Amino acid sequence: MNQYKLPSQEKKPEYVRKNFDGIAKAYDRFNDWNSFFLHRIWKNWVVKEAKKEVPTANTALDLCCGTGDITYRLSLDQDLKTVVGLDFSEQMLSYAFPKVEGKPHVKLTVGDAMDLKPFADGSFDIVTMGFGLRNVSDLKKCLLEIKRVLKEDGVFVNLDVGRVRPKFLKIFADFYFFQIVPLFGYLLYGKQNEMFDYLPHSSKTYPDQETLSQILTEIGFRKVRFQNFVFGNAVAHVAKKQN
């Protein structure tokens, strides 16, 4: 029986940063394996939906950008004059730089998604986040910072794990997520890195689709909706900043 325990909220930031540094080298391959390459389609959806919500957008911030998958996709939009990718793992960012090499409108920076002080209020038309929100130690604080740096009528699109709704499928989904997904990580890195136990277990304390929608609404976002992928194994939330 797996006795893995999640880190405390106080220790979570450093724990996550250290362990993401440790898995950066093969993180893209791990994502391909555990999602059967579907994560690429989901990330395409995030960028497409963000631009659909704000057709005139010219600034975008990709939080917890990791190895830069969503940042790169944003960089391909010729209307976006400024694209910023932010992550607190320097090792993860080191694998993002080659993806946006030669794109002067893209900036990659080390930073904390819960403390976006380098950016003024209303700096961005679009804020995206891919599989990062469940890793922050204070979810509401992070969302309030996102809301602060968004322009009026800006959009936040968040991609992360969800809850599988059909009960008969949830048994199989949980088995895959908690037993098979860590095996992919162990094949790439060996048993020494706990991140492949952390990733599935972190979903236990992360809000389900409806709860996150409610939290987004409570802190002031409008027109909140979500899109399930693969029966809710992954989910994208779309939320607008409007008075």
Protein backbone atom coordinates (compact mmCIF):
# COMPACT_ATOMS: atom_id res chain seq x y z
CA MET A 1 0.00 0.00 0.00
CA ASN A 2 1.32 3.43 -0.93
CA GLN A 3 2.05 5.44 2.22
CA TYR A 4 2.91 8.66 0.41
CA LYS A 5 1.91 11.84 2.25
CA LEU A 6 1.54 15.26 0.70
CA PRO A 7 3.80 18.04 2.02
CA SER A 8 2.32 20.61 4.40
CA GLN A 9 1.11 23.91 2.92
CA GLU A 10 4.14 25.64 4.45
CA LYS A 11 6.61 23.21 2.87
CA LYS A 12 4.74 22.78 -0.41
CA PRO A 13 6.37 25.60 -2.47
CA GLU A 14 9.95 24.49 -1.83
CA TYR A 15 9.00 20.82 -2.15
CA VAL A 16 7.35 21.37 -5.52
CA ARG A 17 10.16 23.57 -6.83
CA LYS A 18 12.87 21.10 -5.82
CA ASN A 19 11.08 18.11 -7.29
CA PHE A 20 10.11 19.86 -10.54
CA ASP A 21 13.76 20.86 -10.94
CA GLY A 22 14.54 17.16 -10.62
CA ILE A 23 12.16 15.98 -13.34
CA ALA A 24 12.59 18.83 -15.84
CA LYS A 25 14.81 16.90 -18.23
CA ALA A 26 12.14 14.41 -19.31
CA TYR A 27 8.98 16.25 -18.24
CA ASP A 28 7.72 16.69 -21.81
CA ARG A 29 8.17 13.00 -22.51
CA PHE A 30 6.38 12.13 -19.26
CA ASN A 31 3.41 14.29 -20.29
CA ASP A 32 3.27 12.62 -23.68
CA TRP A 33 3.33 9.16 -22.17
CA ASN A 34 0.82 9.64 -19.36
CA SER A 35 -1.74 11.51 -21.51
CA PHE A 36 -1.18 9.52 -24.72
CA PHE A 37 -0.16 12.84 -26.30
CA LEU A 38 -3.59 14.34 -25.59
CA HIS A 39 -2.14 17.15 -23.46
CA ARG A 40 -1.01 18.78 -26.70
CA ILE A 41 -4.61 18.99 -27.92
CA TRP A 42 -5.79 20.37 -24.56
CA LYS A 43 -3.12 23.08 -24.60
CA ASN A 44 -4.08 24.03 -28.15
CA TRP A 45 -7.66 24.40 -26.89
CA VAL A 46 -6.53 26.69 -24.05
CA VAL A 47 -4.83 29.14 -26.42
CA LYS A 48 -7.58 29.01 -29.02
CA GLU A 49 -10.29 29.61 -26.41
CA ALA A 50 -8.37 32.48 -24.82
CA LYS A 51 -8.11 34.28 -28.16
CA LYS A 52 -11.76 33.57 -28.90
CA GLU A 53 -12.71 35.31 -25.64
CA VAL A 54 -10.42 38.30 -26.26
CA PRO A 55 -9.95 38.65 -30.04
CA THR A 56 -8.09 41.96 -29.66
CA ALA A 57 -5.61 40.60 -27.07
CA ASN A 58 -2.02 41.73 -27.46
CA THR A 59 -0.53 40.73 -24.08
CA ALA A 60 -0.48 37.30 -22.43
CA LEU A 61 0.96 35.77 -19.26
CA ASP A 62 1.49 32.01 -18.92
CA LEU A 63 1.83 31.13 -15.24
CA CYS A 64 3.60 28.00 -14.00
CA CYS A 65 4.74 27.72 -17.59
CA GLY A 66 7.14 24.84 -16.90
CA THR A 67 8.87 23.77 -20.09
CA GLY A 68 6.92 26.35 -22.07
CA ASP A 69 4.31 24.35 -23.97
CA ILE A 70 1.53 26.92 -23.63
CA THR A 71 3.95 29.86 -23.79
CA TYR A 72 5.18 28.55 -27.14
CA ARG A 73 1.64 28.19 -28.44
CA LEU A 74 0.84 31.75 -27.38
CA SER A 75 4.00 32.98 -29.10
CA LEU A 76 2.69 31.73 -32.45
CA ASP A 77 -0.18 34.23 -32.40
CA GLN A 78 0.99 37.23 -34.40
CA ASP A 79 -1.49 39.54 -32.65
CA LEU A 80 0.16 38.96 -29.28
CA LYS A 81 2.91 41.56 -29.01
CA THR A 82 4.01 40.54 -25.50
CA VAL A 83 4.06 37.00 -24.11
CA VAL A 84 5.49 36.28 -20.65
CA GLY A 85 6.14 32.79 -19.30
CA LEU A 86 6.68 32.57 -15.53
CA ASP A 87 7.75 29.63 -13.40
CA PHE A 88 9.62 29.20 -10.12
CA SER A 89 11.65 26.22 -11.37
CA GLU A 90 14.78 27.40 -13.16
CA GLN A 91 15.41 23.91 -14.50
CA MET A 92 11.95 23.73 -16.07
CA LEU A 93 12.49 27.15 -17.66
CA SER A 94 15.82 26.00 -19.09
CA TYR A 95 13.85 23.62 -21.32
CA ALA A 96 11.37 26.35 -22.26
CA PHE A 97 13.99 28.73 -23.67
CA PRO A 98 14.77 26.66 -26.81
CA LYS A 99 11.06 26.56 -27.71
CA VAL A 100 10.82 30.35 -27.94
CA GLU A 101 14.33 31.10 -29.17
CA GLY A 102 14.38 33.89 -31.70
CA LYS A 103 11.07 35.36 -30.53
CA PRO A 104 11.89 38.80 -29.08
CA HIS A 105 8.31 39.40 -27.91
CA VAL A 106 8.55 36.43 -25.52
CA LYS A 107 10.07 36.76 -22.07
CA LEU A 108 10.67 33.86 -19.69
CA THR A 109 11.15 34.74 -16.04
CA VAL A 110 11.55 33.08 -12.67
CA GLY A 111 8.72 34.05 -10.35
CA ASP A 112 5.97 33.08 -7.93
CA ALA A 113 2.41 32.71 -9.24
CA MET A 114 1.09 33.86 -5.85
CA ASP A 115 3.12 37.07 -5.87
CA LEU A 116 2.97 38.87 -9.22
CA LYS A 117 4.28 42.21 -7.92
CA PRO A 118 6.58 42.67 -10.92
CA PHE A 119 3.39 43.24 -12.95
CA ALA A 120 1.12 46.24 -12.53
CA ASP A 121 -2.65 46.00 -12.19
CA GLY A 122 -4.33 45.33 -15.52
CA SER A 123 -1.18 44.30 -17.40
CA PHE A 124 -2.48 41.37 -19.47
CA ASP A 125 -5.37 40.55 -21.76
CA ILE A 126 -4.86 36.81 -21.26
CA VAL A 127 -3.56 34.72 -18.36
CA THR A 128 -3.14 30.98 -18.83
CA MET A 129 -2.09 28.22 -16.48
CA GLY A 130 -1.43 24.59 -17.32
CA PHE A 131 -1.37 21.99 -14.54
CA GLY A 132 0.01 24.49 -12.06
CA LEU A 133 -2.87 25.76 -9.94
CA ARG A 134 -3.01 22.65 -7.78
CA ASN A 135 0.66 23.15 -6.91
CA VAL A 136 0.28 26.57 -5.26
CA SER A 137 0.02 26.69 -1.47
CA ASP A 138 -2.79 29.28 -1.43
CA LEU A 139 -5.21 28.85 -4.31
CA LYS A 140 -7.39 31.88 -3.61
CA LYS A 141 -4.39 34.17 -3.18
CA CYS A 142 -3.08 33.01 -6.54
CA LEU A 143 -6.44 33.58 -8.24
CA LEU A 144 -6.72 37.07 -6.76
CA GLU A 145 -3.28 37.92 -8.14
CA ILE A 146 -4.35 36.63 -11.55
CA LYS A 147 -7.48 38.77 -11.41
CA ARG A 148 -5.39 41.81 -10.41
CA VAL A 149 -2.98 41.59 -13.35
CA LEU A 150 -5.76 40.97 -15.88
CA LYS A 151 -7.15 43.88 -17.84
CA GLU A 152 -10.85 44.61 -17.74
CA ASP A 153 -12.56 42.11 -20.06
CA GLY A 154 -9.45 39.95 -19.92
CA VAL A 155 -9.68 36.17 -19.63
CA PHE A 156 -8.12 33.50 -17.43
CA VAL A 157 -7.94 29.97 -18.85
CA ASN A 158 -6.80 27.24 -16.48
CA LEU A 159 -6.01 23.65 -17.45
CA ASP A 160 -5.60 21.06 -14.72
CA VAL A 161 -6.81 17.72 -13.42
CA GLY A 162 -10.53 17.16 -12.91
CA ARG A 163 -12.86 14.57 -11.46
CA VAL A 164 -14.13 11.76 -13.65
CA ARG A 165 -17.89 11.88 -13.40
CA PRO A 166 -19.26 8.50 -14.55
CA LYS A 167 -18.76 6.38 -11.41
CA PHE A 168 -18.04 3.21 -13.35
CA LEU A 169 -15.18 5.01 -15.13
CA LYS A 170 -13.78 6.65 -12.00
CA ILE A 171 -12.50 3.31 -10.68
CA PHE A 172 -10.44 2.76 -13.82
CA ALA A 173 -9.33 6.41 -13.97
CA ASP A 174 -8.11 6.34 -10.36
CA PHE A 175 -6.24 3.10 -10.94
CA TYR A 176 -4.51 4.59 -13.99
CA PHE A 177 -3.74 7.91 -12.29
CA PHE A 178 -2.47 6.52 -8.98
CA GLN A 179 -0.84 3.28 -10.13
CA ILE A 180 0.12 3.52 -13.80
CA VAL A 181 1.09 7.20 -14.19
CA PRO A 182 3.77 6.99 -11.45
CA LEU A 183 5.26 3.99 -13.26
CA PHE A 184 5.95 6.18 -16.30
CA GLY A 185 7.91 8.50 -14.04
CA TYR A 186 9.83 5.66 -12.43
CA LEU A 187 10.76 4.33 -15.86
CA LEU A 188 12.22 7.74 -16.73
CA TYR A 189 13.88 8.60 -13.42
CA GLY A 190 13.83 5.70 -11.03
CA LYS A 191 12.11 5.59 -7.65
CA GLN A 192 14.14 8.36 -6.04
CA ASN A 193 11.91 11.25 -7.16
CA GLU A 194 8.68 11.58 -5.18
CA MET A 195 7.08 13.85 -7.77
CA PHE A 196 5.38 10.96 -9.48
CA ASP A 197 3.57 10.11 -6.29
CA TYR A 198 2.89 13.78 -5.56
CA LEU A 199 1.26 14.50 -8.93
CA PRO A 200 -1.70 12.10 -8.55
CA HIS A 201 -2.06 12.60 -4.80
CA SER A 202 -2.19 16.39 -5.19
CA SER A 203 -5.46 15.96 -7.07
CA LYS A 204 -7.14 14.80 -3.84
CA THR A 205 -6.98 18.28 -2.30
CA TYR A 206 -7.63 20.17 -5.54
CA PRO A 207 -11.20 21.46 -6.09
CA ASP A 208 -13.44 19.57 -8.48
CA GLN A 209 -14.87 21.24 -11.56
CA GLU A 210 -17.93 22.76 -9.92
CA THR A 211 -16.11 23.86 -6.75
CA LEU A 212 -13.39 25.68 -8.68
CA SER A 213 -16.07 27.38 -10.77
CA GLN A 214 -17.72 28.55 -7.55
CA ILE A 215 -14.41 29.84 -6.13
CA LEU A 216 -13.70 31.79 -9.32
CA THR A 217 -17.17 33.33 -9.17
CA GLU A 218 -16.87 34.19 -5.48
CA ILE A 219 -13.66 36.17 -5.97
CA GLY A 220 -15.19 38.21 -8.78
CA PHE A 221 -14.69 36.43 -12.09
CA ARG A 222 -17.63 36.39 -14.50
CA LYS A 223 -18.95 34.06 -17.21
CA VAL A 224 -17.15 31.13 -15.57
CA ARG A 225 -17.43 27.84 -17.42
CA PHE A 226 -15.44 24.67 -17.85
CA GLN A 227 -14.68 22.09 -20.51
CA ASN A 228 -14.05 18.46 -19.56
CA PHE A 229 -11.53 16.35 -21.45
CA VAL A 230 -11.60 12.53 -21.40
CA PHE A 231 -14.63 12.35 -19.09
CA GLY A 232 -13.13 14.93 -16.73
CA ASN A 233 -9.65 13.47 -16.30
CA ALA A 234 -8.51 16.95 -17.30
CA VAL A 235 -10.56 20.13 -17.29
CA ALA A 236 -10.17 23.68 -18.55
CA HIS A 237 -11.86 26.57 -16.76
CA VAL A 238 -12.54 29.85 -18.57
CA ALA A 239 -13.22 32.98 -16.50
CA LYS A 240 -13.59 36.62 -17.50
CA LYS A 241 -12.66 39.74 -15.53
CA GLN A 242 -15.66 42.03 -15.80
CA ASN A 243 -17.38 44.51 -13.50
